[in-house]
C-alpha cells in the first residue's frame, strides 16, 4: 500500500521544482481584502502572486512612511537558494516578476508604477546575496494618465498547474502578442516548436532535471522546502508542495500519507525526474528568454518579461511551465549549461529562462503565498 501511495505522490512532483509552485490553501488562496487608506499594501497584496524560483517569494517590502507614494523592494536574504541558484540570478529574476506584477496591479486600479531599478547600485554578478542590503528597486505610485488596464489577482494566483498538461495548440500567429510584450532592449524572446529544435532541447532538459534530483546539495535544498500539509504551509508559506498538481478531492489523503510516511529523499528525487520526463516529452511549444550579457539589470528585466508572458499565457488558457535546470550555475551543471548555450544562444548572450506552454485541465486550483502584511519590513 505504501508503495502504491508513493507512486501516486510521485506524480505530483513533476514540476514542483521547475519554478513557481503552489498548493491549495483556502485560508490564503485569494488576495486579501484590505481596508484603505494605503493603496500600496493593496498593490503588494496582488503582486505577491508573481512567479518565483522554487516559490521562494524573495521580496521584502518597505512602505516609505515619509512618502506615501513610495515602495522600496529589497531581497529577502532568508529566502535564497544557495545550492540551486548560487549567484541568485533566478532570485533577481523573481523580484523582476514581482515588479511586473506590481506594475500590472497598479495599472488595473488607475495608477502608474514608476520603477527605478537598483537606485543605489546593483550588486556584483558573482554575489549570491550578501551585498543585497541596498534596494533592488524603488517604486513610486502615481495617478495614471490613461484608462485603467484590466487585471485580476485571482487569475494570477490560479496559474499554477504544472502536471498532466496537454500539448499547447499554439499556432504561429499567436506568437505576435508574446513577442510584442517584450519592451526591454537587450532582452530577446524566441519560440521553439520545430522537430529538430525540440529533439535537441528536450534531452538536455531531461538530463539536467535528473542531475538536480541526484546532486546531493540541490536535492537536499528542494527536499527541505517541501510543505507536506496545511500546517507546514501556514508555518512557512513559501517553498514547494503538491497541491496545485493534484485534484482537490484527493489532496487531503496524499497530504496525510506524506505527513505520516514521507517519501525517502533519493526516491523522491528520482520519482520526480521520471515524471518530469513524461511531461516534457508531451510539450510541443517552448520559449527562450535571452539577454545580451548577464548583468543584474538584464536579469531583472528578463524576470519582468517572463511575468508578463505568464499573464498572456493565462489569458490564452495556457499554463507556462519553467524548465530552467540547465541554466543553473553550480559546478555540477556546467556541461549542461554549456550545451544549452551552444545550441540556443547567440555569441555574447545568456539564456535566462526556458519554459513551455501546455493546456491544463479546466479548473485551476489556487496556490499559497506569504500574506502581504508579513512581507513588510521597517526601513
Protein backbone atom coordinates (compact mmCIF):
# COMPACT_ATOMS: atom_id res chain seq x y z
CA UNK A 1 0.00 0.00 0.00
CA UNK A 2 2.82 2.40 0.89
CA UNK A 3 4.45 1.73 -2.47
CA UNK A 4 1.17 2.44 -4.27
CA UNK A 5 0.66 5.73 -2.50
CA UNK A 6 4.23 6.79 -3.16
CA UNK A 7 3.67 6.08 -6.83
CA UNK A 8 0.69 8.41 -6.77
CA UNK A 9 2.57 11.02 -4.76
CA UNK A 10 5.47 10.86 -7.18
CA UNK A 11 3.22 12.05 -9.97
CA UNK A 12 2.77 15.28 -8.06
CA UNK A 13 6.47 16.06 -8.08
CA UNK A 14 6.54 16.50 -11.85
CA UNK A 15 7.42 20.18 -11.92
CA UNK A 16 7.25 21.18 -8.31
CA UNK A 17 10.94 22.16 -8.69
CA UNK A 18 10.82 23.80 -12.09
CA UNK A 19 9.74 27.23 -10.97
CA UNK A 20 7.00 28.81 -9.01
CA UNK A 21 4.91 26.09 -7.42
CA UNK A 22 1.82 26.38 -5.31
CA UNK A 23 -0.62 24.45 -3.20
CA UNK A 24 -4.24 24.67 -2.22
CA UNK A 25 -4.55 26.69 0.98
CA UNK A 26 -8.03 28.06 1.48
CA UNK A 27 -7.04 30.38 4.27
CA UNK A 28 -4.73 32.23 1.87
CA UNK A 29 -5.92 31.24 -1.59
CA UNK A 30 -7.03 34.66 -2.84
CA UNK A 31 -5.85 38.23 -2.36
CA UNK A 32 -6.80 39.68 0.99
CA UNK A 33 -9.42 42.42 1.10
CA UNK A 34 -7.55 45.26 2.75
CA UNK A 35 -9.02 48.50 4.09
CA UNK A 36 -7.95 51.95 2.91
CA UNK A 37 -6.13 54.29 3.06
CA UNK A 38 -2.80 52.81 1.91
CA UNK A 39 -3.22 51.60 -1.66
CA UNK A 40 0.39 50.42 -1.64
CA UNK A 41 -0.45 47.47 0.55
CA UNK A 42 -3.36 46.59 -1.73
CA UNK A 43 -0.95 46.52 -4.67
CA UNK A 44 1.59 44.42 -2.76
CA UNK A 45 -1.23 42.04 -1.89
CA UNK A 46 -1.77 41.35 -5.59
CA UNK A 47 1.87 41.46 -6.68
CA UNK A 48 2.85 38.77 -4.17
CA UNK A 49 1.23 36.23 -6.53
CA UNK A 50 4.07 36.66 -9.01
CA UNK A 51 6.02 33.58 -10.07
CA UNK A 52 9.29 32.90 -8.27
CA UNK A 53 12.02 30.28 -8.28
CA UNK A 54 11.00 27.37 -6.02
CA UNK A 55 8.15 29.65 -4.85
CA UNK A 56 10.64 31.39 -2.53
CA UNK A 57 8.92 34.80 -2.91
CA UNK A 58 12.26 36.54 -2.26
CA UNK A 59 10.91 40.07 -1.93
CA UNK A 60 10.97 42.27 1.15
CA UNK A 61 8.83 45.41 1.10
CA UNK A 62 9.32 48.79 2.76
CA UNK A 63 6.46 51.29 2.64
CA UNK A 64 8.06 54.71 2.98
CA UNK A 65 6.44 56.47 5.93
CA UNK A 66 7.57 59.90 4.79
CA UNK A 67 6.40 59.46 1.18
CA UNK A 68 3.02 57.71 0.87
CA UNK A 69 3.67 57.05 -2.83
CA UNK A 70 6.98 55.22 -2.48
CA UNK A 71 7.64 51.48 -2.10
CA UNK A 72 11.10 50.02 -1.58
CA UNK A 73 11.72 46.49 -2.87
CA UNK A 74 14.55 44.53 -1.26
CA UNK A 75 15.88 40.98 -1.49
CA UNK A 76 14.73 38.77 1.39
CA UNK A 77 18.05 37.19 2.32
CA UNK A 78 16.37 34.47 4.38
CA UNK A 79 14.67 33.06 1.26
CA UNK A 80 17.55 32.29 -1.09
CA UNK A 81 18.63 29.13 -2.92
CA UNK A 82 22.39 28.90 -2.28
CA UNK A 83 22.77 25.39 -3.74
CA UNK A 84 20.45 25.64 -6.74
CA UNK A 85 21.00 29.33 -7.50
CA UNK A 86 24.43 30.21 -6.07
CA UNK A 87 24.64 33.67 -7.67
CA UNK A 88 20.95 34.49 -7.05
CA UNK A 89 20.29 35.03 -10.76
CA UNK A 90 16.92 33.31 -10.53
CA UNK A 91 16.16 35.21 -7.33
CA UNK A 92 16.76 38.55 -9.10
CA UNK A 93 14.53 37.40 -11.96
CA UNK A 94 11.86 36.52 -9.40
CA UNK A 95 11.98 40.05 -8.00
CA UNK A 96 11.60 41.27 -11.57
CA UNK A 97 8.43 39.20 -11.76
CA UNK A 98 7.17 40.86 -8.58
CA UNK A 99 7.85 44.31 -10.04
CA UNK A 100 5.94 43.49 -13.21
CA UNK A 101 3.02 42.12 -11.19
CA UNK A 102 3.09 45.30 -9.09
CA UNK A 103 3.01 47.40 -12.25
CA UNK A 104 0.04 45.40 -13.55
CA UNK A 105 -1.77 45.71 -10.24
CA UNK A 106 -1.28 49.49 -10.23
CA UNK A 107 -2.49 49.82 -13.81
CA UNK A 108 -5.62 47.80 -13.04
CA UNK A 109 -6.51 50.35 -10.36
CA UNK A 110 -5.82 53.50 -12.33
CA UNK A 111 -2.28 54.11 -11.13
CA UNK A 112 1.15 54.14 -12.70
CA UNK A 113 4.06 52.32 -11.02
CA UNK A 114 7.31 54.11 -11.86
CA UNK A 115 10.09 51.58 -11.28
CA UNK A 116 13.66 52.72 -10.59
CA UNK A 117 15.87 49.59 -10.53
CA UNK A 118 18.95 49.45 -8.29
CA UNK A 119 18.77 53.12 -7.24
CA UNK A 120 21.89 52.74 -5.08
CA UNK A 121 23.79 50.49 -7.49
CA UNK A 122 23.47 46.84 -8.46
CA UNK A 123 25.18 44.02 -6.55
CA UNK A 124 28.07 42.24 -8.19
CA UNK A 125 27.15 39.40 -10.51
CA UNK A 126 29.13 36.82 -8.53
CA UNK A 127 27.42 37.73 -5.24
CA UNK A 128 24.75 35.29 -4.09
CA UNK A 129 23.03 37.81 -1.83
CA UNK A 130 25.36 39.12 0.86
CA UNK A 131 25.54 42.60 -0.69
CA UNK A 132 21.82 42.87 -1.39
CA UNK A 133 21.27 45.22 1.55
CA UNK A 134 20.53 48.06 -0.87
CA UNK A 135 17.15 48.24 -2.61
CA UNK A 136 16.61 46.19 -5.74
CA UNK A 137 14.12 48.84 -6.85
CA UNK A 138 12.22 51.88 -5.69
CA UNK A 139 8.67 52.27 -6.97
CA UNK A 140 6.54 55.40 -6.99
CA UNK A 141 2.77 55.00 -7.29
CA UNK A 142 1.28 57.85 -9.29
CA UNK A 143 -2.13 58.54 -10.84
CA UNK A 144 -2.21 57.18 -14.38
CA UNK A 145 -2.99 59.42 -17.31
CA UNK A 146 -4.73 56.73 -19.40
CA UNK A 147 -7.53 54.30 -18.76
CA UNK A 148 -7.10 51.56 -16.18
CA UNK A 149 -5.96 48.25 -17.60
CA UNK A 150 -7.96 45.19 -16.55
CA UNK A 151 -6.24 42.74 -14.26
CA UNK A 152 -7.19 40.03 -11.82
CA UNK A 153 -5.24 38.94 -8.79
CA UNK A 154 -7.44 35.87 -8.60
CA UNK A 155 -6.37 34.93 -12.13
CA UNK A 156 -2.72 35.41 -11.26
CA UNK A 157 -2.98 33.23 -8.18
CA UNK A 158 -4.57 30.37 -10.10
CA UNK A 159 -1.94 29.95 -12.84
CA UNK A 160 -0.09 27.19 -11.03
CA UNK A 161 -0.97 23.92 -12.74
CA UNK A 162 2.26 22.06 -13.55
CA UNK A 163 1.26 18.46 -14.27
CA UNK A 164 -0.96 16.47 -16.60
CA UNK A 165 -0.86 19.22 -19.22
CA UNK A 166 -1.93 18.62 -22.79
CA UNK A 167 0.31 19.99 -25.58
CA UNK A 168 -0.44 23.60 -26.43
CA UNK A 169 -2.40 24.08 -29.66
CA UNK A 170 -0.29 27.16 -30.27
CA UNK A 171 -0.34 28.46 -33.84
CA UNK A 172 2.33 30.56 -35.49
CA UNK A 173 0.04 33.57 -35.46
CA UNK A 174 -0.20 33.53 -31.68
CA UNK A 175 3.48 34.36 -31.31
CA UNK A 176 2.94 38.01 -32.08
CA UNK A 177 1.21 39.07 -28.86
CA UNK A 178 4.00 37.46 -26.84
CA UNK A 179 6.77 38.96 -28.93
CA UNK A 180 5.21 42.41 -28.69
CA UNK A 181 5.20 42.12 -24.89
CA UNK A 182 8.98 42.45 -24.86
CA UNK A 183 9.69 46.11 -24.16
CA UNK A 184 13.29 45.77 -22.96
CA UNK A 185 16.38 46.50 -25.04
CA UNK A 186 18.95 43.72 -24.79
CA UNK A 187 16.31 41.12 -23.90
CA UNK A 188 15.16 38.72 -26.60
CA UNK A 189 12.36 36.17 -26.90
CA UNK A 190 12.05 33.27 -29.30
CA UNK A 191 9.77 30.25 -29.68
CA UNK A 192 10.80 26.70 -30.47
CA UNK A 193 8.30 24.29 -31.98
CA UNK A 194 10.07 22.62 -34.92
CA UNK A 195 11.00 18.97 -34.55
CA UNK A 196 14.75 19.47 -34.94
CA UNK A 197 14.94 22.09 -32.18
CA UNK A 198 12.78 20.08 -29.79
CA UNK A 199 14.84 16.96 -30.45
CA UNK A 200 17.93 18.93 -29.47
CA UNK A 201 16.37 20.71 -26.47
CA UNK A 202 14.42 18.01 -24.67
CA UNK A 203 17.31 15.61 -23.88
CA UNK A 204 19.23 18.45 -22.20
CA UNK A 205 16.19 19.40 -20.11
CA UNK A 206 15.63 15.82 -19.02
CA UNK A 207 19.28 15.21 -18.15
CA UNK A 208 19.57 18.50 -16.24
CA UNK A 209 16.44 17.87 -14.19
CA UNK A 210 17.65 14.37 -13.31
CA UNK A 211 21.04 15.78 -12.32
CA UNK A 212 19.41 18.28 -9.98
CA UNK A 213 17.44 15.45 -8.41
CA UNK A 214 20.57 13.35 -7.84
CA UNK A 215 23.07 16.06 -6.92
CA UNK A 216 23.06 15.95 -3.12
CA UNK A 217 23.16 19.71 -2.33
CA UNK A 218 20.36 20.67 -4.74
CA UNK A 219 18.25 17.61 -3.93
CA UNK A 220 18.54 18.32 -0.22
CA UNK A 221 17.69 22.00 -0.71
CA UNK A 222 14.49 21.15 -2.59
CA UNK A 223 13.56 18.29 -0.26
CA UNK A 224 13.77 20.58 2.76
CA UNK A 225 11.49 23.09 1.04
CA UNK A 226 8.61 20.61 0.67
CA UNK A 227 5.47 21.57 2.59
CA UNK A 228 3.54 18.33 3.02
CA UNK A 229 0.41 19.58 4.77
CA UNK A 230 -1.53 22.73 5.55
CA UNK A 231 0.07 23.18 8.94
CA UNK A 232 3.52 23.32 7.34
CA UNK A 233 2.23 25.75 4.72
CA UNK A 234 0.78 28.03 7.39
CA UNK A 235 4.04 28.00 9.34
CA UNK A 236 6.28 28.65 6.30
CA UNK A 237 4.15 29.82 3.35
CA UNK A 238 6.91 29.63 0.75
CA UNK A 239 8.60 26.71 -0.97
CA UNK A 240 7.30 23.57 -2.68
CA UNK A 241 4.18 21.45 -2.37
CA UNK A 242 1.93 19.00 -4.16
CA UNK A 243 -1.30 20.96 -4.08
CA UNK A 244 -1.73 22.54 -7.50
CA UNK A 245 -0.72 19.38 -9.29
CA UNK A 246 -3.38 17.16 -7.75
CA UNK A 247 -7.19 17.08 -7.62
CA UNK A 248 -8.61 18.76 -4.55
CA UNK A 249 -10.69 15.71 -3.61
CA UNK A 250 -7.56 13.55 -3.29
CA UNK A 251 -5.17 16.11 -1.86
CA UNK A 252 -6.02 15.64 1.82
CA UNK A 253 -5.30 11.92 1.61
CA UNK A 254 -1.99 12.50 -0.14
CA UNK A 255 -1.00 15.14 2.42
CA UNK A 256 -1.92 12.84 5.30
CA UNK A 257 0.07 9.96 3.86
CA UNK A 258 3.11 12.10 3.05
CA UNK A 259 2.99 13.56 6.58
CA UNK A 260 2.92 10.12 8.21
CA UNK A 261 5.19 8.31 5.73
CA UNK A 262 7.26 10.92 3.85
CA UNK A 263 9.00 9.56 0.78
CA UNK A 264 12.70 8.97 1.25
CA UNK A 265 14.81 11.76 -0.26
CA UNK A 266 16.55 9.89 -3.09
CA UNK A 267 13.39 8.07 -4.11
CA UNK A 268 11.52 11.38 -4.03
CA UNK A 269 14.04 12.93 -6.40
CA UNK A 270 14.13 10.02 -8.84
CA UNK A 271 10.35 9.75 -8.94
CA UNK A 272 10.14 13.44 -9.74
CA UNK A 273 12.69 13.05 -12.54
CA UNK A 274 10.76 10.14 -14.04
CA UNK A 275 7.58 12.16 -14.13
CA UNK A 276 9.35 15.22 -15.49
CA UNK A 277 10.50 13.07 -18.41
CA UNK A 278 6.90 12.16 -19.23
CA UNK A 279 5.70 15.76 -19.01
CA UNK A 280 8.47 17.28 -21.10
CA UNK A 281 8.02 14.60 -23.75
CA UNK A 282 4.48 15.89 -24.35
CA UNK A 283 5.46 19.55 -24.63
CA UNK A 284 5.22 21.00 -28.14
CA UNK A 285 5.91 24.75 -27.74
CA UNK A 286 8.86 26.19 -25.82
CA UNK A 287 10.04 29.75 -25.32
CA UNK A 288 13.52 31.04 -24.56
CA UNK A 289 14.33 34.40 -22.96
CA UNK A 290 17.93 35.52 -23.51
CA UNK A 291 19.87 38.69 -22.74
CA UNK A 292 22.84 40.43 -24.35
CA UNK A 293 25.11 39.85 -21.40
CA UNK A 294 24.24 38.86 -17.85
CA UNK A 295 24.21 41.86 -15.56
CA UNK A 296 21.74 42.35 -12.73
CA UNK A 297 19.56 44.82 -14.61
CA UNK A 298 19.13 42.40 -17.53
CA UNK A 299 18.25 39.61 -15.10
CA UNK A 300 15.63 41.83 -13.51
CA UNK A 301 14.17 42.77 -16.90
CA UNK A 302 14.11 39.14 -18.05
CA UNK A 303 12.06 38.34 -14.96
CA UNK A 304 9.65 41.16 -15.74
CA UNK A 305 9.21 39.85 -19.27
CA UNK A 306 8.62 36.31 -18.04
CA UNK A 307 5.90 37.50 -15.66
CA UNK A 308 4.26 39.46 -18.47
CA UNK A 309 4.32 36.41 -20.76
CA UNK A 310 2.87 34.31 -17.96
CA UNK A 311 -0.13 36.63 -17.76
CA UNK A 312 -0.67 36.50 -21.54
CA UNK A 313 -0.49 32.70 -21.44
CA UNK A 314 -3.07 32.64 -18.67
CA UNK A 315 -5.36 34.85 -20.74
CA UNK A 316 -4.99 32.41 -23.63
CA UNK A 317 -5.85 29.43 -21.45
CA UNK A 318 -2.33 28.03 -21.10
CA UNK A 319 -0.11 27.15 -18.20
CA UNK A 320 3.52 28.26 -18.55
CA UNK A 321 5.99 25.82 -17.04
CA UNK A 322 9.60 26.85 -16.29
CA UNK A 323 12.27 24.30 -17.23
CA UNK A 324 15.41 26.16 -16.26
CA UNK A 325 17.57 23.44 -14.69
CA UNK A 326 20.31 23.57 -17.40
CA UNK A 327 20.63 27.32 -16.76
CA UNK A 328 21.68 26.87 -13.14
CA UNK A 329 25.23 27.86 -12.33
CA UNK A 330 26.59 25.38 -9.79
CA UNK A 331 29.61 23.42 -10.96
CA UNK A 332 27.92 20.04 -11.44
CA UNK A 333 25.56 21.61 -14.01
CA UNK A 334 28.34 23.29 -16.03
CA UNK A 335 28.31 20.92 -19.02
CA UNK A 336 24.54 21.16 -19.47
CA UNK A 337 24.84 24.95 -19.20
CA UNK A 338 27.43 24.96 -21.98
CA UNK A 339 25.37 22.62 -24.15
CA UNK A 340 22.20 24.69 -23.94
CA UNK A 341 24.07 27.89 -24.76
CA UNK A 342 25.98 26.36 -27.67
CA UNK A 343 22.70 25.21 -29.19
CA UNK A 344 20.31 28.07 -28.48
CA UNK A 345 22.21 31.29 -27.65
CA UNK A 346 23.96 33.74 -29.94
CA UNK A 347 27.55 34.80 -29.09
CA UNK A 348 27.54 37.01 -26.01
CA UNK A 349 24.01 36.01 -24.98
CA UNK A 350 22.92 34.46 -21.68
CA UNK A 351 19.77 32.37 -21.62
CA UNK A 352 17.76 33.44 -18.59
CA UNK A 353 14.65 31.26 -18.92
CA UNK A 354 13.34 28.22 -20.77
CA UNK A 355 9.66 27.33 -20.40
CA UNK A 356 6.93 25.50 -22.23
CA UNK A 357 3.23 26.11 -22.76
CA UNK A 358 0.62 23.47 -22.02
CA UNK A 359 -3.14 23.22 -21.86
CA UNK A 360 -4.30 22.39 -18.31
CA UNK A 361 -7.46 20.64 -17.29
CA UNK A 362 -10.34 23.03 -16.58
CA UNK A 363 -10.40 24.50 -13.06
CA UNK A 364 -7.14 25.82 -11.72
CA UNK A 365 -6.51 25.38 -8.02
CA UNK A 366 -5.19 28.45 -6.19
CA UNK A 367 -1.79 28.44 -4.58
CA UNK A 368 -0.25 29.77 -1.38
CA UNK A 369 1.80 32.87 -0.74
CA UNK A 370 3.14 34.82 2.20
CA UNK A 371 0.47 37.26 3.47
CA UNK A 372 1.12 40.80 2.27
CA UNK A 373 1.49 42.27 5.76
CA UNK A 374 4.21 39.71 6.58
CA UNK A 375 6.28 40.90 3.63
CA UNK A 376 6.63 44.37 5.16
CA UNK A 377 9.79 45.49 6.93
CA UNK A 378 10.68 48.73 8.70
CA UNK A 379 13.13 50.98 6.90
